[in-house]
Amino acid sequence: MPLTMSKPGELNTIKKVGGKEETRRFLESLGFVVGSAVTVVSENGGNMIVNIKDSRVAIGKDMANKIMV
């Protein structure tokens, strides 16, 4: 399922990162790699704040839809 369907506080493992090559590279640079643990901190209008690799990252709904957990 896409990351946008996760509930706040739920621990997930990234299964796949989709999108164009440049989008995948950008998400990888933020720490969104297959096998990483990700937790949704909050969601507001589809935009999300997530905890990944001991950092908080804000991503838009379109980016979150490309991350499968």
N, C-alpha and C. Protein backbone atom coordinates (compact mmCIF):
# COMPACT_ATOMS: atom_id res chain seq x y z
N MET A 1 0.84 -1.19 0.00
CA MET A 1 0.00 0.00 0.00
C MET A 1 0.88 1.24 0.00
N PRO A 2 0.39 2.35 -0.53
CA PRO A 2 1.19 3.58 -0.52
C PRO A 2 1.29 4.16 0.90
N LEU A 3 2.34 4.92 1.13
CA LEU A 3 2.58 5.52 2.44
C LEU A 3 1.42 6.41 2.88
N THR A 4 0.70 6.99 1.93
CA THR A 4 -0.42 7.88 2.28
C THR A 4 -1.53 7.15 3.03
N MET A 5 -1.59 5.82 2.94
CA MET A 5 -2.63 5.07 3.63
C MET A 5 -2.24 4.68 5.06
N SER A 6 -1.00 4.96 5.46
CA SER A 6 -0.54 4.65 6.81
C SER A 6 -1.14 5.63 7.81
N LYS A 7 -1.38 5.13 9.00
CA LYS A 7 -1.90 5.98 10.06
C LYS A 7 -0.74 6.56 10.87
N PRO A 8 -0.92 7.76 11.43
CA PRO A 8 0.13 8.35 12.28
C PRO A 8 0.52 7.42 13.43
N GLY A 9 1.82 7.30 13.66
CA GLY A 9 2.34 6.46 14.72
C GLY A 9 2.59 5.02 14.31
N GLU A 10 2.18 4.64 13.12
CA GLU A 10 2.33 3.27 12.63
C GLU A 10 3.72 3.09 12.02
N LEU A 11 4.43 2.05 12.47
CA LEU A 11 5.77 1.75 11.94
C LEU A 11 5.63 0.90 10.68
N ASN A 12 6.24 1.33 9.60
CA ASN A 12 6.18 0.61 8.32
C ASN A 12 7.57 0.38 7.79
N THR A 13 7.70 -0.60 6.91
CA THR A 13 8.95 -0.87 6.21
C THR A 13 8.73 -0.58 4.73
N ILE A 14 9.66 0.14 4.13
CA ILE A 14 9.54 0.49 2.71
C ILE A 14 9.79 -0.75 1.86
N LYS A 15 8.83 -1.05 0.98
CA LYS A 15 8.94 -2.21 0.09
C LYS A 15 9.41 -1.81 -1.30
N LYS A 16 8.99 -0.61 -1.76
CA LYS A 16 9.33 -0.18 -3.12
C LYS A 16 9.21 1.33 -3.20
N VAL A 17 10.09 1.93 -3.99
CA VAL A 17 10.01 3.37 -4.27
C VAL A 17 9.83 3.51 -5.77
N GLY A 18 8.70 4.09 -6.18
CA GLY A 18 8.38 4.22 -7.60
C GLY A 18 8.66 5.61 -8.12
N GLY A 19 8.19 5.87 -9.34
CA GLY A 19 8.35 7.18 -9.95
C GLY A 19 9.49 7.20 -10.94
N LYS A 20 9.74 8.40 -11.47
CA LYS A 20 10.83 8.58 -12.42
C LYS A 20 12.17 8.42 -11.71
N GLU A 21 13.21 8.24 -12.50
CA GLU A 21 14.56 8.02 -11.96
C GLU A 21 14.98 9.17 -11.04
N GLU A 22 14.76 10.41 -11.47
CA GLU A 22 15.18 11.56 -10.66
C GLU A 22 14.39 11.63 -9.35
N THR A 23 13.12 11.24 -9.39
CA THR A 23 12.30 11.22 -8.18
C THR A 23 12.81 10.17 -7.21
N ARG A 24 13.12 8.98 -7.73
CA ARG A 24 13.64 7.90 -6.88
C ARG A 24 14.97 8.31 -6.24
N ARG A 25 15.84 8.95 -7.03
CA ARG A 25 17.13 9.39 -6.49
C ARG A 25 16.95 10.43 -5.39
N PHE A 26 16.02 11.35 -5.60
CA PHE A 26 15.74 12.39 -4.59
C PHE A 26 15.23 11.75 -3.29
N LEU A 27 14.29 10.81 -3.42
CA LEU A 27 13.76 10.14 -2.22
C LEU A 27 14.84 9.32 -1.53
N GLU A 28 15.72 8.67 -2.31
CA GLU A 28 16.84 7.92 -1.72
C GLU A 28 17.76 8.84 -0.93
N SER A 29 17.99 10.05 -1.44
CA SER A 29 18.87 10.98 -0.74
C SER A 29 18.27 11.42 0.60
N LEU A 30 16.94 11.36 0.70
CA LEU A 30 16.27 11.70 1.97
C LEU A 30 16.24 10.51 2.92
N GLY A 31 16.60 9.32 2.43
CA GLY A 31 16.61 8.13 3.28
C GLY A 31 15.54 7.12 2.96
N PHE A 32 14.72 7.39 1.95
CA PHE A 32 13.65 6.47 1.57
C PHE A 32 14.21 5.37 0.66
N VAL A 33 14.80 4.34 1.27
CA VAL A 33 15.35 3.21 0.53
C VAL A 33 14.63 1.94 0.97
N VAL A 34 14.60 0.95 0.10
CA VAL A 34 13.91 -0.31 0.39
C VAL A 34 14.50 -0.94 1.65
N GLY A 35 13.62 -1.34 2.56
CA GLY A 35 14.04 -1.97 3.80
C GLY A 35 14.12 -1.02 4.98
N SER A 36 14.06 0.28 4.72
CA SER A 36 14.12 1.27 5.81
C SER A 36 12.80 1.33 6.56
N ALA A 37 12.88 1.62 7.86
CA ALA A 37 11.68 1.81 8.67
C ALA A 37 11.24 3.27 8.56
N VAL A 38 9.93 3.46 8.42
CA VAL A 38 9.37 4.81 8.31
C VAL A 38 8.12 4.89 9.17
N THR A 39 7.98 5.99 9.90
CA THR A 39 6.82 6.22 10.75
C THR A 39 6.19 7.55 10.39
N VAL A 40 4.87 7.54 10.19
CA VAL A 40 4.14 8.78 9.90
C VAL A 40 3.95 9.53 11.22
N VAL A 41 4.41 10.78 11.28
CA VAL A 41 4.25 11.60 12.47
C VAL A 41 2.91 12.32 12.42
N SER A 42 2.63 12.98 11.29
CA SER A 42 1.35 13.67 11.13
C SER A 42 1.01 13.80 9.66
N GLU A 43 -0.28 14.06 9.42
CA GLU A 43 -0.76 14.23 8.06
C GLU A 43 -1.71 15.42 8.04
N ASN A 44 -1.54 16.27 7.03
CA ASN A 44 -2.38 17.44 6.90
C ASN A 44 -2.71 17.66 5.43
N GLY A 45 -3.93 17.34 5.05
CA GLY A 45 -4.35 17.51 3.66
C GLY A 45 -3.57 16.65 2.69
N GLY A 46 -3.13 15.49 3.13
CA GLY A 46 -2.37 14.59 2.27
C GLY A 46 -0.87 14.78 2.39
N ASN A 47 -0.42 15.96 2.80
CA ASN A 47 1.01 16.18 3.03
C ASN A 47 1.38 15.54 4.35
N MET A 48 2.58 14.97 4.41
CA MET A 48 2.95 14.19 5.58
C MET A 48 4.28 14.62 6.17
N ILE A 49 4.39 14.42 7.48
CA ILE A 49 5.67 14.52 8.17
C ILE A 49 5.98 13.11 8.64
N VAL A 50 7.14 12.61 8.27
CA VAL A 50 7.51 11.23 8.61
C VAL A 50 8.86 11.19 9.30
N ASN A 51 9.04 10.19 10.14
CA ASN A 51 10.32 9.91 10.77
C ASN A 51 11.01 8.84 9.94
N ILE A 52 12.21 9.13 9.46
CA ILE A 52 12.99 8.14 8.73
C ILE A 52 14.45 8.34 9.09
N LYS A 53 15.10 7.26 9.49
CA LYS A 53 16.51 7.30 9.89
C LYS A 53 16.80 8.43 10.88
N ASP A 54 16.02 8.49 11.95
CA ASP A 54 16.18 9.48 13.03
C ASP A 54 16.06 10.93 12.55
N SER A 55 15.36 11.16 11.45
CA SER A 55 15.12 12.52 10.96
C SER A 55 13.65 12.68 10.64
N ARG A 56 13.17 13.91 10.77
CA ARG A 56 11.80 14.21 10.36
C ARG A 56 11.86 14.86 8.99
N VAL A 57 11.04 14.34 8.08
CA VAL A 57 11.02 14.83 6.70
C VAL A 57 9.58 15.12 6.32
N ALA A 58 9.34 16.26 5.69
CA ALA A 58 8.01 16.60 5.17
C ALA A 58 7.98 16.27 3.68
N ILE A 59 6.96 15.52 3.27
CA ILE A 59 6.81 15.18 1.86
C ILE A 59 5.37 15.42 1.43
N GLY A 60 5.21 15.73 0.16
CA GLY A 60 3.88 15.97 -0.39
C GLY A 60 3.15 14.67 -0.69
N LYS A 61 1.87 14.81 -0.94
CA LYS A 61 1.02 13.64 -1.21
C LYS A 61 1.51 12.88 -2.45
N ASP A 62 1.93 13.61 -3.49
CA ASP A 62 2.37 12.94 -4.72
C ASP A 62 3.63 12.10 -4.47
N MET A 63 4.55 12.60 -3.65
CA MET A 63 5.75 11.83 -3.31
C MET A 63 5.39 10.63 -2.43
N ALA A 64 4.53 10.85 -1.45
CA ALA A 64 4.14 9.78 -0.52
C ALA A 64 3.43 8.64 -1.27
N ASN A 65 2.71 8.96 -2.33
CA ASN A 65 2.03 7.92 -3.11
C ASN A 65 3.00 7.03 -3.86
N LYS A 66 4.22 7.49 -4.09
CA LYS A 66 5.22 6.70 -4.81
C LYS A 66 5.99 5.76 -3.88
N ILE A 67 5.80 5.91 -2.57
CA ILE A 67 6.50 5.07 -1.60
C ILE A 67 5.57 3.97 -1.13
N MET A 68 5.91 2.73 -1.45
CA MET A 68 5.07 1.58 -1.06
C MET A 68 5.62 0.94 0.21
N VAL A 69 4.70 0.68 1.14
CA VAL A 69 5.08 0.06 2.42
C VAL A 69 4.32 -1.23 2.64
